[in-house]
């Protein structure tokens, strides 16, 4: 799965974890999103390079927090398509 598809979900999850003062790890992020660990790691690394996430602490930067607060206002598209959507696409 591409990082640009997972990134909004990662950022919104980190916002909620950060606001609730809950620690976040790569494993907890992978479980919550239901995506492969390698895809989550690649996405977090890309967000780190762009200055949205501090990957060492698994926390959002101020820039990432601002983006995440905006993203939390809108519903995100699901990461996985339902069987009905897959059948309709075929």
N, C-alpha and C. Protein backbone atom coordinates (compact mmCIF):
# COMPACT_ATOMS: atom_id res chain seq x y z
N UNK A 1 0.84 -1.17 0.00
CA UNK A 1 0.00 0.00 0.00
C UNK A 1 0.90 1.24 0.00
N UNK A 2 0.49 2.25 -0.69
CA UNK A 2 1.32 3.46 -0.85
C UNK A 2 1.25 4.35 0.39
N UNK A 3 2.37 4.97 0.74
CA UNK A 3 2.41 5.84 1.92
C UNK A 3 1.42 7.01 1.87
N UNK A 4 1.17 7.55 0.68
CA UNK A 4 0.25 8.69 0.62
C UNK A 4 -1.19 8.29 0.92
N UNK A 5 -1.51 7.01 0.80
CA UNK A 5 -2.86 6.53 1.14
C UNK A 5 -2.98 6.26 2.64
N UNK A 6 -1.89 5.84 3.26
CA UNK A 6 -1.89 5.51 4.68
C UNK A 6 -1.64 6.75 5.55
N UNK A 7 -0.93 7.73 5.04
CA UNK A 7 -0.48 8.88 5.82
C UNK A 7 -1.60 9.60 6.59
N UNK A 8 -2.74 9.90 5.98
CA UNK A 8 -3.79 10.58 6.76
C UNK A 8 -4.27 9.76 7.96
N UNK A 9 -4.32 8.46 7.79
CA UNK A 9 -4.74 7.58 8.89
C UNK A 9 -3.70 7.56 10.00
N UNK A 10 -2.43 7.55 9.62
CA UNK A 10 -1.35 7.57 10.61
C UNK A 10 -1.40 8.87 11.41
N UNK A 11 -1.54 9.98 10.71
CA UNK A 11 -1.55 11.29 11.37
C UNK A 11 -2.74 11.42 12.31
N UNK A 12 -3.92 11.01 11.88
CA UNK A 12 -5.09 11.14 12.75
C UNK A 12 -4.99 10.20 13.96
N UNK A 13 -4.42 9.02 13.77
CA UNK A 13 -4.22 8.12 14.91
C UNK A 13 -3.24 8.74 15.91
N UNK A 14 -2.16 9.33 15.41
CA UNK A 14 -1.18 9.95 16.29
C UNK A 14 -1.76 11.16 17.01
N UNK A 15 -2.65 11.90 16.35
CA UNK A 15 -3.31 13.03 17.02
C UNK A 15 -4.12 12.53 18.20
N UNK A 16 -4.93 11.51 17.99
CA UNK A 16 -5.76 11.01 19.08
C UNK A 16 -4.91 10.44 20.21
N UNK A 17 -3.85 9.74 19.87
CA UNK A 17 -2.97 9.19 20.91
C UNK A 17 -2.26 10.30 21.67
N UNK A 18 -1.84 11.32 20.96
CA UNK A 18 -1.12 12.41 21.59
C UNK A 18 -2.06 13.23 22.50
N UNK A 19 -3.28 13.46 22.05
CA UNK A 19 -4.23 14.23 22.87
C UNK A 19 -4.64 13.47 24.13
N UNK A 20 -4.65 12.14 24.05
CA UNK A 20 -4.99 11.31 25.21
C UNK A 20 -3.76 10.94 26.04
N UNK A 21 -2.60 11.45 25.64
CA UNK A 21 -1.32 11.18 26.32
C UNK A 21 -1.03 9.69 26.40
N UNK A 22 -1.37 8.97 25.33
CA UNK A 22 -1.09 7.54 25.26
C UNK A 22 0.18 7.33 24.45
N UNK A 23 1.05 6.44 24.89
CA UNK A 23 2.23 6.15 24.09
C UNK A 23 1.86 5.42 22.80
N UNK A 24 2.60 5.66 21.77
CA UNK A 24 2.32 5.02 20.49
C UNK A 24 3.60 4.35 20.00
N UNK A 25 3.46 3.14 19.52
CA UNK A 25 4.59 2.41 18.96
C UNK A 25 4.23 2.00 17.54
N UNK A 26 5.21 1.53 16.84
CA UNK A 26 4.96 1.04 15.48
C UNK A 26 3.99 -0.14 15.51
N UNK A 27 4.13 -0.99 16.52
CA UNK A 27 3.25 -2.16 16.65
C UNK A 27 1.80 -1.74 16.92
N UNK A 28 1.60 -0.77 17.81
CA UNK A 28 0.23 -0.34 18.10
C UNK A 28 -0.40 0.36 16.91
N UNK A 29 0.41 1.10 16.18
CA UNK A 29 -0.07 1.78 14.97
C UNK A 29 -0.45 0.77 13.90
N UNK A 30 0.36 -0.26 13.75
CA UNK A 30 0.09 -1.33 12.79
C UNK A 30 -1.20 -2.06 13.13
N UNK A 31 -1.38 -2.38 14.41
CA UNK A 31 -2.61 -3.06 14.85
C UNK A 31 -3.84 -2.19 14.62
N UNK A 32 -3.75 -0.93 14.96
CA UNK A 32 -4.90 -0.03 14.86
C UNK A 32 -5.33 0.18 13.40
N UNK A 33 -4.38 0.25 12.50
CA UNK A 33 -4.70 0.51 11.10
C UNK A 33 -4.98 -0.76 10.31
N UNK A 34 -4.48 -1.89 10.78
CA UNK A 34 -4.68 -3.14 10.06
C UNK A 34 -3.91 -3.19 8.76
N UNK A 35 -2.73 -2.61 8.77
CA UNK A 35 -1.89 -2.54 7.57
C UNK A 35 -0.56 -3.21 7.89
N UNK A 36 0.12 -3.68 6.87
CA UNK A 36 1.42 -4.35 7.09
C UNK A 36 2.41 -3.41 7.77
N UNK A 37 3.24 -4.00 8.62
CA UNK A 37 4.24 -3.24 9.38
C UNK A 37 5.19 -2.47 8.46
N UNK A 38 5.60 -3.09 7.37
CA UNK A 38 6.53 -2.44 6.44
C UNK A 38 5.89 -1.19 5.82
N UNK A 39 4.60 -1.27 5.51
CA UNK A 39 3.91 -0.11 4.94
C UNK A 39 3.80 1.03 5.94
N UNK A 40 3.51 0.68 7.19
CA UNK A 40 3.42 1.71 8.23
C UNK A 40 4.80 2.33 8.46
N UNK A 41 5.83 1.50 8.51
CA UNK A 41 7.19 2.02 8.72
C UNK A 41 7.59 2.96 7.58
N UNK A 42 7.28 2.58 6.36
CA UNK A 42 7.60 3.42 5.20
C UNK A 42 6.85 4.76 5.28
N UNK A 43 5.60 4.71 5.69
CA UNK A 43 4.80 5.92 5.80
C UNK A 43 5.32 6.83 6.90
N UNK A 44 5.63 6.27 8.07
CA UNK A 44 6.16 7.07 9.17
C UNK A 44 7.50 7.69 8.77
N UNK A 45 8.32 6.96 8.07
CA UNK A 45 9.60 7.50 7.61
C UNK A 45 9.40 8.66 6.64
N UNK A 46 8.44 8.53 5.74
CA UNK A 46 8.15 9.61 4.80
C UNK A 46 7.62 10.84 5.53
N UNK A 47 6.74 10.62 6.50
CA UNK A 47 6.21 11.75 7.29
C UNK A 47 7.33 12.39 8.12
N UNK A 48 8.27 11.61 8.58
CA UNK A 48 9.42 12.13 9.32
C UNK A 48 10.29 13.01 8.42
N UNK A 49 10.56 12.51 7.22
CA UNK A 49 11.36 13.29 6.26
C UNK A 49 10.70 14.62 5.91
N UNK A 50 9.37 14.62 5.84
CA UNK A 50 8.64 15.84 5.48
C UNK A 50 8.41 16.75 6.68
N UNK A 51 8.78 16.31 7.89
CA UNK A 51 8.68 17.16 9.07
C UNK A 51 7.36 17.11 9.80
N UNK A 52 6.56 16.07 9.58
CA UNK A 52 5.27 15.96 10.25
C UNK A 52 5.32 15.09 11.49
N UNK A 53 6.25 14.15 11.53
CA UNK A 53 6.34 13.19 12.64
C UNK A 53 7.78 13.11 13.13
N UNK A 54 7.94 13.02 14.44
CA UNK A 54 9.24 12.68 15.02
C UNK A 54 9.23 11.17 15.18
N UNK A 55 9.88 10.47 14.26
CA UNK A 55 9.82 9.01 14.21
C UNK A 55 10.50 8.35 15.41
N UNK A 56 11.48 9.01 16.00
CA UNK A 56 12.16 8.42 17.16
C UNK A 56 11.25 8.37 18.38
N UNK A 57 10.41 9.37 18.53
CA UNK A 57 9.50 9.44 19.67
C UNK A 57 8.07 9.05 19.32
N UNK A 58 7.82 8.82 18.03
CA UNK A 58 6.48 8.50 17.52
C UNK A 58 5.47 9.54 18.00
N UNK A 59 5.83 10.79 17.80
CA UNK A 59 4.96 11.91 18.14
C UNK A 59 4.92 12.87 16.97
N UNK A 60 3.84 13.60 16.87
CA UNK A 60 3.70 14.59 15.81
C UNK A 60 4.49 15.84 16.14
N UNK A 61 5.03 16.47 15.12
CA UNK A 61 5.63 17.79 15.30
C UNK A 61 4.49 18.80 15.32
N UNK A 62 4.82 20.06 15.53
CA UNK A 62 3.78 21.08 15.53
C UNK A 62 3.08 21.16 14.17
N UNK A 63 3.88 21.03 13.13
CA UNK A 63 3.34 21.01 11.76
C UNK A 63 2.41 19.81 11.56
N UNK A 64 2.80 18.66 12.06
CA UNK A 64 1.98 17.45 11.95
C UNK A 64 0.72 17.53 12.79
N UNK A 65 0.82 18.15 13.97
CA UNK A 65 -0.35 18.30 14.82
C UNK A 65 -1.38 19.22 14.16
N UNK A 66 -0.90 20.29 13.54
CA UNK A 66 -1.82 21.19 12.84
C UNK A 66 -2.52 20.47 11.70
N UNK A 67 -1.78 19.72 10.92
CA UNK A 67 -2.37 18.94 9.83
C UNK A 67 -3.36 17.92 10.37
N UNK A 68 -2.99 17.23 11.43
CA UNK A 68 -3.84 16.21 12.01
C UNK A 68 -5.14 16.77 12.55
N UNK A 69 -5.09 17.93 13.15
CA UNK A 69 -6.31 18.55 13.68
C UNK A 69 -7.28 18.89 12.55
N UNK A 70 -6.75 19.28 11.41
CA UNK A 70 -7.59 19.56 10.25
C UNK A 70 -8.17 18.25 9.69
N UNK A 71 -7.33 17.22 9.60
CA UNK A 71 -7.79 15.94 9.06
C UNK A 71 -8.85 15.29 9.94
N UNK A 72 -8.81 15.54 11.24
CA UNK A 72 -9.79 14.95 12.16
C UNK A 72 -11.19 15.48 11.92
N UNK A 73 -11.32 16.60 11.26
CA UNK A 73 -12.64 17.19 11.00
C UNK A 73 -13.40 16.46 9.90
N UNK A 74 -12.70 15.74 9.06
CA UNK A 74 -13.31 15.12 7.89
C UNK A 74 -13.20 13.60 7.95
N UNK A 75 -14.20 12.90 7.44
CA UNK A 75 -14.10 11.43 7.41
C UNK A 75 -13.06 10.98 6.38
N UNK A 76 -12.25 10.01 6.75
CA UNK A 76 -11.24 9.49 5.85
C UNK A 76 -11.80 8.31 5.07
N UNK A 77 -11.31 8.15 3.86
CA UNK A 77 -11.73 6.99 3.08
C UNK A 77 -11.12 5.74 3.71
N UNK A 78 -11.83 4.62 3.67
CA UNK A 78 -11.30 3.40 4.29
C UNK A 78 -10.03 2.93 3.58
N UNK A 79 -9.15 2.29 4.33
CA UNK A 79 -7.91 1.78 3.75
C UNK A 79 -8.16 0.58 2.86
N UNK A 80 -9.12 -0.22 3.22
CA UNK A 80 -9.44 -1.43 2.45
C UNK A 80 -10.82 -1.29 1.83
N UNK A 81 -10.97 -1.81 0.62
CA UNK A 81 -12.28 -1.80 -0.01
C UNK A 81 -13.09 -3.00 0.44
N UNK A 82 -14.38 -2.83 0.51
CA UNK A 82 -15.27 -3.92 0.92
C UNK A 82 -15.43 -4.91 -0.25
N UNK A 83 -15.85 -6.14 0.03
CA UNK A 83 -16.06 -7.11 -1.05
C UNK A 83 -17.06 -6.62 -2.10
N UNK A 84 -18.07 -5.88 -1.69
CA UNK A 84 -19.05 -5.37 -2.65
C UNK A 84 -18.40 -4.37 -3.60
N UNK A 85 -17.51 -3.52 -3.08
CA UNK A 85 -16.81 -2.56 -3.93
C UNK A 85 -15.86 -3.27 -4.89
N UNK A 86 -15.20 -4.33 -4.43
CA UNK A 86 -14.31 -5.08 -5.29
C UNK A 86 -15.10 -5.76 -6.43
N UNK A 87 -16.26 -6.30 -6.09
CA UNK A 87 -17.10 -6.96 -7.09
C UNK A 87 -17.61 -5.96 -8.11
N UNK A 88 -18.00 -4.77 -7.66
CA UNK A 88 -18.51 -3.74 -8.58
C UNK A 88 -17.41 -3.23 -9.50
N UNK A 89 -16.17 -3.19 -9.01
CA UNK A 89 -15.06 -2.71 -9.82
C UNK A 89 -14.68 -3.71 -10.91
N UNK A 90 -14.97 -4.98 -10.69
CA UNK A 90 -14.59 -6.02 -11.65
C UNK A 90 -15.55 -6.08 -12.78
